[in-house]
C-alpha atoms as a PDB file:
ATOM      1  CA  MET A   1      -0.145   0.057   0.026  1.00  0.00           C
ATOM      2  CA  VAL A   2       1.338   3.476  -0.880  1.00  0.00           C
ATOM      3  CA  ARG A   3       0.886   5.873   1.684  1.00  0.00           C
ATOM      4  CA  LEU A   4       1.392   9.617   1.531  1.00  0.00           C
ATOM      5  CA  THR A   5       4.179  10.572   4.452  1.00  0.00           C
ATOM      6  CA  VAL A   6       6.946  13.121   4.572  1.00  0.00           C
ATOM      7  CA  GLU A   7       9.306  10.329   3.673  1.00  0.00           C
ATOM      8  CA  LEU A   8       7.599   9.857   0.524  1.00  0.00           C
ATOM      9  CA  ILE A   9       7.994  13.892   0.004  1.00  0.00           C
ATOM     10  CA  ALA A  10      11.653  13.182   0.657  1.00  0.00           C
ATOM     11  CA  THR A  11      12.194  10.734  -2.081  1.00  0.00           C
ATOM     12  CA  SER A  12      10.096  12.649  -4.669  1.00  0.00           C
ATOM     13  CA  ARG A  13      12.113  14.281  -7.546  1.00  0.00           C
ATOM     14  CA  ASN A  14       9.236  16.784  -7.873  1.00  0.00           C
ATOM     15  CA  HIS A  15       9.670  18.243  -4.381  1.00  0.00           C
ATOM     16  CA  PHE A  16      12.405  18.360  -1.800  1.00  0.00           C
ATOM     17  CA  ARG A  17      15.666  19.873  -3.453  1.00  0.00           C
ATOM     18  CA  LYS A  18      18.058  20.498  -0.807  1.00  0.00           C
ATOM     19  CA  LYS A  19      19.243  23.997  -0.902  1.00  0.00           C
ATOM     20  CA  ARG A  20      22.137  25.638   1.059  1.00  0.00           C
ATOM     21  CA  GLY A  21      21.390  26.055   4.587  1.00  0.00           C
ATOM     22  CA  LEU A  22      17.843  24.696   4.233  1.00  0.00           C
ATOM     23  CA  SER A  23      17.016  21.408   6.175  1.00  0.00           C
ATOM     24  CA  PHE A  24      14.431  19.038   5.264  1.00  0.00           C
ATOM     25  CA  PRO A  25      12.151  19.841   8.083  1.00  0.00           C
ATOM     26  CA  GLU A  26      12.448  23.588   7.330  1.00  0.00           C
ATOM     27  CA  TYR A  27      11.586  22.714   3.820  1.00  0.00           C
ATOM     28  CA  LEU A  28       8.394  20.988   4.812  1.00  0.00           C
ATOM     29  CA  ARG A  29       7.369  24.252   7.086  1.00  0.00           C
ATOM     30  CA  THR A  30       7.707  26.160   3.754  1.00  0.00           C
ATOM     31  CA  LEU A  31       5.810  24.098   1.650  1.00  0.00           C
ATOM     32  CA  THR A  32       2.607  25.519   0.156  1.00  0.00           C
ATOM     33  CA  HIS A  33       1.713  23.284  -2.543  1.00  0.00           C
ATOM     34  CA  LEU A  34       1.809  19.411  -2.673  1.00  0.00           C
ATOM     35  CA  HIS A  35       1.483  17.608  -5.810  1.00  0.00           C
ATOM     36  CA  PHE A  36       0.956  13.718  -5.549  1.00  0.00           C
ATOM     37  CA  PHE A  37      -1.766  12.972  -8.024  1.00  0.00           C
ATOM     38  CA  SER A  38      -1.664   9.727 -10.019  1.00  0.00           C
ATOM     39  CA  LYS A  39       0.602   8.091  -7.612  1.00  0.00           C
ATOM     40  CA  ASP A  40      -1.311   5.070  -6.550  1.00  0.00           C
ATOM     41  CA  ILE A  41      -1.855   6.277  -3.010  1.00  0.00           C
ATOM     42  CA  GLU A  42      -4.338   4.819  -0.835  1.00  0.00           C
ATOM     43  CA  ASP A  43      -3.870   6.585   2.504  1.00  0.00           C
ATOM     44  CA  ILE A  44      -2.885   9.824   3.930  1.00  0.00           C
ATOM     45  CA  GLY A  45      -0.257   9.648   6.568  1.00  0.00           C
ATOM     46  CA  ASP A  46       1.086  12.076   8.878  1.00  0.00           C
ATOM     47  CA  LEU A  47       1.850  15.344   7.115  1.00  0.00           C
ATOM     48  CA  SER A  48       1.622  17.626  10.191  1.00  0.00           C
ATOM     49  CA  MET A  49       5.184  19.343   9.485  1.00  0.00           C
ATOM     50  CA  CYS A  50       3.581  20.873   6.505  1.00  0.00           C
ATOM     51  CA  ARG A  51       2.055  23.412   8.500  1.00  0.00           C
ATOM     52  CA  ASN A  52       1.704  26.031   6.003  1.00  0.00           C
ATOM     53  CA  LEU A  53       0.085  23.760   3.252  1.00  0.00           C
ATOM     54  CA  THR A  54      -2.606  25.601   1.119  1.00  0.00           C
ATOM     55  CA  VAL A  55      -3.013  23.277  -2.088  1.00  0.00           C
ATOM     56  CA  LEU A  56      -2.955  19.647  -2.036  1.00  0.00           C
ATOM     57  CA  TYR A  57      -3.405  17.707  -5.207  1.00  0.00           C
ATOM     58  CA  LEU A  58      -4.337  13.853  -4.794  1.00  0.00           C
ATOM     59  CA  TYR A  59      -6.570  13.324  -7.487  1.00  0.00           C
ATOM     60  CA  ASP A  60      -6.530   9.983  -9.354  1.00  0.00           C
ATOM     61  CA  ASN A  61      -5.399   7.702  -6.721  1.00  0.00           C
ATOM     62  CA  HIS A  62      -6.817   5.052  -4.528  1.00  0.00           C
ATOM     63  CA  ILE A  63      -7.696   6.979  -1.411  1.00  0.00           C
ATOM     64  CA  SER A  64     -10.945   5.640   0.391  1.00  0.00           C
ATOM     65  CA  HIS A  65     -10.782   7.560   3.591  1.00  0.00           C
ATOM     66  CA  ILE A  66     -10.099  11.431   4.247  1.00  0.00           C
ATOM     67  CA  CYS A  67      -7.694  11.452   7.284  1.00  0.00           C
ATOM     68  CA  ASN A  68      -4.921  13.111   9.001  1.00  0.00           C
ATOM     69  CA  LEU A  69      -5.726  16.655   7.585  1.00  0.00           C
ATOM     70  CA  ALA A  70      -6.648  18.153  10.867  1.00  0.00           C
ATOM     71  CA  PHE A  71      -3.151  19.994  10.743  1.00  0.00           C
ATOM     72  CA  ALA A  72      -3.921  21.935   7.451  1.00  0.00           C
ATOM     73  CA  ARG A  73      -5.779  25.016   8.885  1.00  0.00           C
ATOM     74  CA  ASN A  74      -4.653  26.911   5.867  1.00  0.00           C
ATOM     75  CA  LEU A  75      -5.635  24.675   3.232  1.00  0.00           C
ATOM     76  CA  THR A  76      -7.673  26.410   0.668  1.00  0.00           C
ATOM     77  CA  HIS A  77      -7.780  24.055  -2.228  1.00  0.00           C
ATOM     78  CA  LEU A  78      -8.305  20.085  -2.008  1.00  0.00           C
ATOM     79  CA  TYR A  79      -8.302  17.943  -5.057  1.00  0.00           C
ATOM     80  CA  LEU A  80      -9.362  14.382  -4.452  1.00  0.00           C
ATOM     81  CA  GLN A  81     -11.495  13.586  -7.407  1.00  0.00           C
ATOM     82  CA  ASN A  82     -11.167  10.116  -9.041  1.00  0.00           C
ATOM     83  CA  ASN A  83     -10.658   8.287  -5.708  1.00  0.00           C
ATOM     84  CA  ASP A  84     -12.456   5.808  -3.815  1.00  0.00           C
ATOM     85  CA  LEU A  85     -14.094   7.913  -1.521  1.00  0.00           C
ATOM     86  CA  THR A  86     -17.672   6.848   0.080  1.00  0.00           C
ATOM     87  CA  ARG A  87     -17.891   9.651   2.582  1.00  0.00           C
ATOM     88  CA  MET A  88     -17.223  13.213   3.306  1.00  0.00           C
ATOM     89  CA  ASP A  89     -15.749  12.999   6.807  1.00  0.00           C
ATOM     90  CA  ASN A  90     -12.991  14.620   8.488  1.00  0.00           C
ATOM     91  CA  LEU A  91     -13.256  18.120   6.753  1.00  0.00           C
ATOM     92  CA  HIS A  92     -14.429  20.109   9.704  1.00  0.00           C
ATOM     93  CA  HIS A  93     -10.929  21.286  10.593  1.00  0.00           C
ATOM     94  CA  LEU A  94     -10.345  23.082   7.115  1.00  0.00           C
ATOM     95  CA  GLN A  95     -11.889  26.296   8.103  1.00  0.00           C
ATOM     96  CA  ARG A  96     -10.257  28.190   5.257  1.00  0.00           C
ATOM     97  CA  LEU A  97     -11.028  25.583   2.577  1.00  0.00           C
ATOM     98  CA  SER A  98     -12.541  27.502  -0.468  1.00  0.00           C
ATOM     99  CA  LYS A  99     -12.548  24.906  -3.308  1.00  0.00           C
ATOM    100  CA  LEU A 100     -13.461  21.066  -2.807  1.00  0.00           C
ATOM    101  CA  TYR A 101     -13.066  18.697  -5.588  1.00  0.00           C
ATOM    102  CA  LEU A 102     -14.540  15.334  -5.064  1.00  0.00           C
ATOM    103  CA  GLY A 103     -15.771  14.400  -8.359  1.00  0.00           C
ATOM    104  CA  GLY A 104     -15.598  10.712  -9.778  1.00  0.00           C
ATOM    105  CA  ASN A 105     -15.782   9.119  -6.209  1.00  0.00           C
ATOM    106  CA  ARG A 106     -18.295   6.756  -4.599  1.00  0.00           C
ATOM    107  CA  ILE A 107     -20.091   9.244  -2.287  1.00  0.00           C
ATOM    108  CA  LEU A 108     -23.625   8.924  -1.707  1.00  0.00           C
ATOM    109  CA  VAL A 109     -24.476  11.849   0.828  1.00  0.00           C
ATOM    110  CA  VAL A 110     -23.067  15.596   0.774  1.00  0.00           C
ATOM    111  CA  GLU A 111     -22.494  16.158   4.182  1.00  0.00           C
ATOM    112  CA  GLY A 112     -19.895  17.261   6.890  1.00  0.00           C
ATOM    113  CA  LEU A 113     -19.308  20.721   5.631  1.00  0.00           C
ATOM    114  CA  GLU A 114     -21.280  22.803   8.660  1.00  0.00           C
ATOM    115  CA  ASN A 115     -17.665  24.221   9.828  1.00  0.00           C
ATOM    116  CA  VAL A 116     -16.171  25.020   6.421  1.00  0.00           C
ATOM    117  CA  PRO A 117     -17.643  28.736   6.236  1.00  0.00           C
ATOM    118  CA  ASP A 118     -15.545  29.861   3.320  1.00  0.00           C
ATOM    119  CA  LEU A 119     -16.584  27.067   0.944  1.00  0.00           C
ATOM    120  CA  SER A 120     -17.190  28.741  -2.504  1.00  0.00           C
ATOM    121  CA  GLU A 121     -16.942  26.098  -4.979  1.00  0.00           C
ATOM    122  CA  LEU A 122     -17.994  22.394  -4.488  1.00  0.00           C
ATOM    123  CA  HIS A 123     -17.576  19.704  -7.365  1.00  0.00           C
ATOM    124  CA  LEU A 124     -19.259  16.272  -6.853  1.00  0.00           C
ATOM    125  CA  GLU A 125     -19.888  15.396 -10.566  1.00  0.00           C
ATOM    126  CA  ASN A 126     -20.027  11.764 -11.872  1.00  0.00           C
ATOM    127  CA  GLN A 127     -20.205   9.689  -8.491  1.00  0.00           C
ATOM    128  CA  ARG A 128     -19.721   6.040  -9.080  1.00  0.00           C
ATOM    129  CA  LEU A 129     -23.204   4.777  -7.605  1.00  0.00           C
ATOM    130  CA  ASN A 130     -24.949   1.694  -7.350  1.00  0.00           C
ATOM    131  CA  PRO A 131     -27.950   1.198  -9.731  1.00  0.00           C
ATOM    132  CA  GLY A 132     -30.910   2.699  -8.093  1.00  0.00           C
ATOM    133  CA  GLU A 133     -28.957   5.033  -6.146  1.00  0.00           C
ATOM    134  CA  LYS A 134     -28.818   8.623  -6.378  1.00  0.00           C
ATOM    135  CA  LEU A 135     -26.627  11.655  -4.800  1.00  0.00           C
ATOM    136  CA  LEU A 136     -28.147  12.996  -1.594  1.00  0.00           C
ATOM    137  CA  LEU A 137     -27.529  16.685  -0.254  1.00  0.00           C
ATOM    138  CA  ASP A 138     -28.001  16.901   3.500  1.00  0.00           C
ATOM    139  CA  PRO A 139     -30.389  19.901   4.320  1.00  0.00           C
ATOM    140  CA  THR A 140     -28.241  20.966   7.170  1.00  0.00           C
ATOM    141  CA  THR A 141     -24.925  21.201   5.238  1.00  0.00           C
ATOM    142  CA  LEU A 142     -26.681  23.304   2.379  1.00  0.00           C
ATOM    143  CA  LEU A 143     -27.917  25.690   4.999  1.00  0.00           C
ATOM    144  CA  CYS A 144     -24.551  26.221   6.181  1.00  0.00           C
ATOM    145  CA  LEU A 145     -23.207  26.725   2.826  1.00  0.00           C
ATOM    146  CA  ALA A 146     -26.011  29.293   1.955  1.00  0.00           C
ATOM    147  CA  GLU A 147     -23.866  32.499   2.342  1.00  0.00           C
ATOM    148  CA  SER A 148     -20.839  31.259   0.857  1.00  0.00           C
ATOM    149  CA  LEU A 149     -21.094  28.608  -1.954  1.00  0.00           C
ATOM    150  CA  CYS A 150     -20.973  30.137  -5.715  1.00  0.00           C
ATOM    151  CA  VAL A 151     -20.217  27.211  -7.751  1.00  0.00           C
ATOM    152  CA  LEU A 152     -21.673  23.711  -7.539  1.00  0.00           C
ATOM    153  CA  ASN A 153     -21.431  20.944  -9.811  1.00  0.00           C
ATOM    154  CA  ILE A 154     -23.542  17.820  -9.378  1.00  0.00           C
ATOM    155  CA  ASN A 155     -23.704  16.487 -13.154  1.00  0.00           C
ATOM    156  CA  ASN A 156     -24.362  12.857 -13.792  1.00  0.00           C
ATOM    157  CA  ASN A 157     -25.583  11.986 -10.177  1.00  0.00           C
ATOM    158  CA  ASN A 158     -29.125  10.310 -10.802  1.00  0.00           C
ATOM    159  CA  ILE A 159     -30.659  13.389  -9.036  1.00  0.00           C
ATOM    160  CA  ASP A 160     -34.478  14.142  -9.591  1.00  0.00           C
ATOM    161  CA  ASP A 161     -35.266  16.940  -7.035  1.00  0.00           C
ATOM    162  CA  ILE A 162     -33.215  20.201  -6.303  1.00  0.00           C
ATOM    163  CA  ARG A 163     -35.628  21.883  -4.377  1.00  0.00           C
ATOM    164  CA  ASP A 164     -33.635  22.021  -1.204  1.00  0.00           C
ATOM    165  CA  LEU A 165     -30.919  23.796  -3.217  1.00  0.00           C
ATOM    166  CA  THR A 166     -32.993  27.066  -3.064  1.00  0.00           C
ATOM    167  CA  VAL A 167     -31.114  28.210   0.267  1.00  0.00           C
ATOM    168  CA  LEU A 168     -27.975  28.665  -1.913  1.00  0.00           C
ATOM    169  CA  LYS A 169     -28.715  32.328  -2.425  1.00  0.00           C
ATOM    170  CA  GLU A 170     -25.121  33.295  -3.471  1.00  0.00           C
ATOM    171  CA  LEU A 171     -24.879  30.800  -6.312  1.00  0.00           C
ATOM    172  CA  ARG A 172     -23.454  31.961  -9.557  1.00  0.00           C
ATOM    173  CA  HIS A 173     -22.641  28.766 -11.339  1.00  0.00           C
ATOM    174  CA  PHE A 174     -24.754  25.853 -11.456  1.00  0.00           C
ATOM    175  CA  SER A 175     -24.349  22.589 -13.161  1.00  0.00           C
ATOM    176  CA  ALA A 176     -26.778  19.577 -12.902  1.00  0.00           C
ATOM    177  CA  ALA A 177     -26.466  18.121 -16.356  1.00  0.00           C
ATOM    178  CA  ASP A 178     -27.309  14.235 -17.139  1.00  0.00           C
ATOM    179  CA  ASN A 179     -29.303  13.905 -14.044  1.00  0.00           C
ATOM    180  CA  ARG A 180     -33.327  12.889 -13.995  1.00  0.00           C
ATOM    181  CA  LEU A 181     -35.013  16.488 -13.443  1.00  0.00           C
ATOM    182  CA  ASN A 182     -38.057  16.173 -15.416  1.00  0.00           C
ATOM    183  CA  ASN A 183     -40.355  18.904 -13.547  1.00  0.00           C
ATOM    184  CA  LEU A 184     -39.876  22.225 -15.474  1.00  0.00           C
ATOM    185  CA  GLU A 185     -42.075  24.196 -12.809  1.00  0.00           C
ATOM    186  CA  GLU A 186     -39.698  23.068 -10.098  1.00  0.00           C
ATOM    187  CA  LEU A 187     -36.678  24.194 -12.133  1.00  0.00           C
ATOM    188  CA  GLU A 188     -38.502  27.712 -12.690  1.00  0.00           C
ATOM    189  CA  ASP A 189     -38.897  27.943  -8.925  1.00  0.00           C
ATOM    190  CA  VAL A 190     -35.291  27.128  -8.132  1.00  0.00           C
ATOM    191  CA  LEU A 191     -33.878  29.324 -10.558  1.00  0.00           C
ATOM    192  CA  CYS A 192     -36.198  32.361  -9.224  1.00  0.00           C
ATOM    193  CA  ALA A 193     -34.656  31.481  -5.872  1.00  0.00           C
ATOM    194  CA  TRP A 194     -30.865  32.374  -6.969  1.00  0.00           C
ATOM    195  CA  PRO A 195     -30.942  36.029  -7.959  1.00  0.00           C
ATOM    196  CA  ARG A 196     -27.134  36.088  -8.611  1.00  0.00           C
ATOM    197  CA  LEU A 197     -27.058  33.063 -10.826  1.00  0.00           C
ATOM    198  CA  LEU A 198     -24.748  33.679 -14.091  1.00  0.00           C
ATOM    199  CA  ARG A 199     -24.617  30.387 -15.638  1.00  0.00           C
ATOM    200  CA  ALA A 200     -26.696  27.029 -15.530  1.00  0.00           C
ATOM    201  CA  ASP A 201     -26.159  23.707 -17.558  1.00  0.00           C
ATOM    202  CA  LEU A 202     -29.164  21.301 -17.210  1.00  0.00           C
ATOM    203  CA  ARG A 203     -28.256  19.588 -20.430  1.00  0.00           C
ATOM    204  CA  GLY A 204     -29.316  15.934 -20.748  1.00  0.00           C
ATOM    205  CA  ASN A 205     -32.223  16.139 -18.118  1.00  0.00           C
ATOM    206  CA  PRO A 206     -35.891  15.102 -19.227  1.00  0.00           C
ATOM    207  CA  ALA A 207     -37.206  18.594 -18.504  1.00  0.00           C
ATOM    208  CA  CYS A 208     -34.857  19.791 -21.545  1.00  0.00           C
ATOM    209  CA  LYS A 209     -37.468  18.413 -23.822  1.00  0.00           C
ATOM    210  CA  SER A 210     -40.400  20.432 -22.181  1.00  0.00           C
ATOM    211  CA  HIS A 211     -42.233  23.258 -24.328  1.00  0.00           C
ATOM    212  CA  ARG A 212     -40.416  26.543 -24.290  1.00  0.00           C
ATOM    213  CA  TYR A 213     -38.002  25.155 -21.981  1.00  0.00           C
ATOM    214  CA  ARG A 214     -35.275  27.613 -22.769  1.00  0.00           C
ATOM    215  CA  ASP A 215     -38.005  30.494 -22.695  1.00  0.00           C
ATOM    216  CA  ARG A 216     -39.225  29.725 -19.487  1.00  0.00           C
ATOM    217  CA  LEU A 217     -36.042  29.363 -17.554  1.00  0.00           C
ATOM    218  CA  ILE A 218     -34.288  32.474 -19.224  1.00  0.00           C
ATOM    219  CA  THR A 219     -37.408  34.373 -17.649  1.00  0.00           C
ATOM    220  CA  ALA A 220     -37.080  32.648 -14.400  1.00  0.00           C
ATOM    221  CA  GLY A 221     -33.137  33.275 -13.992  1.00  0.00           C
ATOM    222  CA  GLY A 222     -33.368  36.977 -14.381  1.00  0.00           C
ATOM    223  CA  SER A 223     -29.571  37.193 -14.314  1.00  0.00           C
ATOM    224  CA  LEU A 224     -28.685  34.438 -16.530  1.00  0.00           C
ATOM    225  CA  GLN A 225     -25.941  35.155 -18.963  1.00  0.00           C
ATOM    226  CA  ALA A 226     -25.634  31.491 -20.281  1.00  0.00           C
ATOM    227  CA  LEU A 227     -28.078  28.535 -20.241  1.00  0.00           C
ATOM    228  CA  ASP A 228     -26.902  24.923 -21.376  1.00  0.00           C
ATOM    229  CA  GLY A 229     -23.616  26.442 -22.948  1.00  0.00           C
ATOM    230  CA  ARG A 230     -25.455  29.058 -24.896  1.00  0.00           C
ATOM    231  CA  GLU A 231     -25.264  32.813 -24.303  1.00  0.00           C
ATOM    232  CA  VAL A 232     -28.436  34.495 -23.163  1.00  0.00           C
ATOM    233  CA  LYS A 233     -28.716  37.994 -25.029  1.00  0.00           C
ATOM    234  CA  GLY A 234     -30.153  40.917 -22.982  1.00  0.00           C
ATOM    235  CA  VAL A 235     -32.711  41.742 -25.818  1.00  0.00           C
ATOM    236  CA  THR A 236     -33.814  38.033 -25.828  1.00  0.00           C
ATOM    237  CA  ARG A 237     -34.492  38.456 -22.065  1.00  0.00           C
ATOM    238  CA  GLN A 238     -36.292  41.711 -22.374  1.00  0.00           C
ATOM    239  CA  PHE A 239     -38.900  40.340 -25.062  1.00  0.00           C
ATOM    240  CA  LEU A 240     -39.517  37.165 -22.986  1.00  0.00           C
ATOM    241  CA  LEU A 241     -39.985  39.269 -19.871  1.00  0.00           C
ATOM    242  CA  ARG A 242     -42.507  41.460 -21.823  1.00  0.00           C
ATOM    243  CA  TRP A 243     -44.388  38.631 -23.026  1.00  0.00           C
ATOM    244  CA  LYS A 244     -44.676  37.003 -19.839  1.00  0.00           C
ATOM    245  CA  ALA A 245     -46.032  40.358 -18.467  1.00  0.00           C
ATOM    246  CA  CYS A 246     -48.604  40.560 -21.359  1.00  0.00           C
ATOM    247  CA  ARG A 247     -49.562  37.083 -20.755  1.00  0.00           C
ATOM    248  CA  GLU A 248     -50.242  37.457 -17.228  1.00  0.00           C
ATOM    249  CA  ALA A 249     -52.182  40.708 -17.858  1.00  0.00           C
ATOM    250  CA  ARG A 250     -54.420  38.661 -20.193  1.00  0.00           C
ATOM    251  CA  ARG A 251     -55.130  36.127 -17.377  1.00  0.00           C
ATOM    252  CA  ARG A 252     -55.924  38.709 -14.907  1.00  0.00           C
ATOM    253  CA  GLY A 253     -58.825  40.093 -17.245  1.00  0.00           C
ATOM    254  CA  PRO A 254     -59.963  40.364 -20.988  1.00  0.00           C
ATOM    255  CA  ALA A 255     -57.943  42.904 -23.153  1.00  0.00           C
ATOM    256  CA  ARG A 256     -60.147  45.900 -24.140  1.00  0.00           C
ATOM    257  CA  SER A 257     -58.645  46.320 -27.514  1.00  0.00           C
ATOM    258  CA  GLY A 258     -58.731  43.905 -30.145  1.00  0.00           C
ATOM    259  CA  ALA A 259     -55.322  44.710 -31.440  1.00  0.00           C
ATOM    260  CA  PRO A 260     -52.858  41.408 -31.791  1.00  0.00           C
ATOM    261  CA  THR A 261     -50.552  40.600 -29.351  1.00  0.00           C
ATOM    262  CA  ALA A 262     -47.090  39.128 -29.864  1.00  0.00           C
ATOM    263  CA  SER A 263     -46.082  35.562 -28.403  1.00  0.00           C
ATOM    264  CA  PRO A 264     -43.027  33.694 -28.433  1.00  0.00           C
ATOM    265  CA  GLY A 265     -44.472  31.531 -30.904  1.00  0.00           C
ATOM    266  CA  ASP A 266     -43.938  34.401 -33.558  1.00  0.00           C
ATOM    267  CA  PHE A 267     -40.206  33.843 -33.089  1.00  0.00           C
ATOM    268  CA  PRO A 268     -37.713  31.137 -32.868  1.00  0.00           C
ATOM    269  CA  ALA A 269     -37.074  29.458 -29.879  1.00  0.00           C
ATOM    270  CA  GLY A 270     -34.996  31.381 -27.281  1.00  0.00           C
ATOM    271  CA  GLN A 271     -35.299  34.432 -29.600  1.00  0.00           C
ATOM    272  CA  GLY A 272     -36.886  37.915 -29.707  1.00  0.00           C
ATOM    273  CA  PRO A 273     -37.498  40.260 -32.269  1.00  0.00           C
ATOM    274  CA  ARG A 274     -34.315  41.685 -34.291  1.00  0.00           C
ATOM    275  CA  ALA A 275     -33.725  45.372 -34.529  1.00  0.00           C
ATOM    276  CA  GLY A 276     -36.446  46.697 -36.808  1.00  0.00           C
ATOM    277  CA  GLN A 277     -38.487  43.978 -36.833  1.00  0.00           C
ATOM    278  CA  SER A 278     -42.270  43.965 -35.871  1.00  0.00           C
ATOM    279  CA  CYS A 279     -43.312  42.353 -32.678  1.00  0.00           C
ATOM    280  CA  PHE A 280     -46.141  40.780 -34.524  1.00  0.00           C
ATOM    281  CA  SER A 281     -45.812  38.027 -37.228  1.00  0.00           C
ATOM    282  CA  PRO A 282     -47.539  38.304 -40.547  1.00  0.00           C
ATOM    283  CA  GLU A 283     -49.910  35.482 -39.588  1.00  0.00           C
ATOM    284  CA  ALA A 284     -50.789  37.558 -36.367  1.00  0.00           C
ATOM    285  CA  LEU A 285     -51.600  40.662 -38.348  1.00  0.00           C
ATOM    286  CA  GLN A 286     -53.723  38.557 -40.841  1.00  0.00           C
ATOM    287  CA  ARG A 287     -55.749  37.133 -38.289  1.00  0.00           C
ATOM    288  CA  TRP A 288     -56.314  40.248 -36.495  1.00  0.00           C
ATOM    289  CA  LYS A 289     -59.528  42.527 -37.855  1.00  0.00           C
ATOM    290  CA  PRO A 290     -60.515  45.872 -36.453  1.00  0.00           C
ATOM    291  CA  GLN A 291     -63.694  45.767 -34.242  1.00  0.00           C
ATOM    292  CA  GLN A 292     -67.096  45.934 -36.293  1.00  0.00           C
ATOM    293  CA  PRO A 293     -70.051  48.133 -35.313  1.00  0.00           C
ATOM    294  CA  SER A 294     -72.318  46.527 -33.009  1.00  0.00           C
ATOM    295  CA  LEU A 295     -75.675  45.039 -34.489  1.00  0.00           C
ATOM    296  CA  ARG A 296     -77.673  47.890 -32.531  1.00  0.00           C
ATOM    297  CA  ALA A 297     -75.780  50.614 -33.888  1.00  0.00           C
ATOM    298  CA  GLN A 298     -76.116  49.125 -37.523  1.00  0.00           C
ATOM    299  CA  ARG A 299     -79.955  48.748 -36.999  1.00  0.00           C
ATOM    300  CA  LEU A 300     -80.130  52.370 -35.640  1.00  0.00           C
ATOM    301  CA  LYS A 301     -78.197  53.597 -38.689  1.00  0.00           C
ATOM    302  CA  LEU A 302     -80.605  51.900 -41.003  1.00  0.00           C
ATOM    303  CA  SER A 303     -83.646  53.587 -38.898  1.00  0.00           C
ATOM    304  CA  MET A 304     -82.376  57.002 -39.215  1.00  0.00           C
ATOM    305  CA  SER A 305     -81.535  56.739 -42.813  1.00  0.00           C
ATOM    306  CA  GLY A 306     -84.777  55.717 -43.703  1.00  0.00           C
ATOM    307  CA  LEU A 307     -86.633  58.302 -41.678  1.00  0.00           C
ATOM    308  CA  LEU A 308     -84.518  61.100 -43.383  1.00  0.00           C
ATOM    309  CA  SER A 309     -85.390  60.059 -46.756  1.00  0.00           C
ATOM    310  CA  HIS A 310     -89.097  60.545 -46.294  1.00  0.00           C
ATOM    311  CA  VAL A 311     -89.219  63.549 -44.004  1.00  0.00           C
ATOM    312  CA  SER A 312     -87.996  67.074 -44.883  1.00  0.00           C
ATOM    313  CA  VAL A 313     -86.313  68.517 -41.829  1.00  0.00           C
ATOM    314  CA  PRO A 314     -84.113  71.864 -41.634  1.00  0.00           C
ATOM    315  CA  SER A 315     -80.705  71.221 -41.233  1.00  0.00           C
ATOM    316  CA  SER A 316     -80.339  73.224 -38.305  1.00  0.00           C
ATOM    317  CA  LEU A 317     -82.977  71.483 -36.347  1.00  0.00           C
ATOM    318  CA  LEU A 318     -81.738  68.196 -37.243  1.00  0.00           C
ATOM    319  CA  CYS A 319     -78.227  69.108 -36.123  1.00  0.00           C
ATOM    320  CA  SER A 320     -79.623  70.453 -32.832  1.00  0.00           C
ATOM    321  CA  GLN A 321     -81.730  66.962 -32.096  1.00  0.00           C
ATOM    322  CA  VAL A 322     -78.568  64.988 -32.714  1.00  0.00           C
ATOM    323  CA  ASP A 323     -76.552  67.130 -30.480  1.00  0.00           C
ATOM    324  CA  ALA A 324     -78.976  66.264 -28.080  1.00  0.00           C
END
């Protein structure tokens, strides 16, 4: 079994190079970055002499348990993707941790981050789960990350419900591609709860096949700059917001005017009118006809015309009667 220890660091060509007047213990105390990825490491030993460690690269190994990191109170970046981890434990000592990479492991429950107040990025994509299992997110942990987490990646984890994520008010980038999200209304509600969200990737979910999927999510995510890898243009958002306001107004009560109204069906999906283009399609204009006089007005007109054709009335008197 390969174990990461200070002795392994001493024998590594990529690390310790004895300098004039610098002993190995002194070197360990000055060490800030440790690169031991793809080394067949299965366990983390005593590294307490590396007290100033800030970045630790241990991805693409065979580590099954997070341990012996209590000393690393200055650690800000931890790369443990593509190992054999099944639990997120012993992370509560890493109070300065800001970026945590745990993709490609066997983790079933996201937990144990209650005492990591500065965590801004959490990467949990592609967990190697058993058939029928899905990645679960502990509500207590999510609540503790509500004010700090800006980037969350949960791609390809059989997830079918993300309503618990609405507490993450500071989220900027969200990736949940290749999951089992099929409720478009739920996605709208979640995006509405993230006022700072700039990028979202939901490709590969059943909900993506829903009618007007892109239009509805752009409207829900008021600050979105990109959805599913495609830019969201400002003119598109403004058009969709105006259309939504018109639709809600029509639902509240019938329109007083017979004029046509624009709908997203008059434009390609996810696009608004181009500069100089009418907000109404030729088909919509062709369907619209000005309001016709009522039947009562038509009958009154016929009666008056028949009466005037048989009776001679001074024009001054007729005008006074009409004005009355």
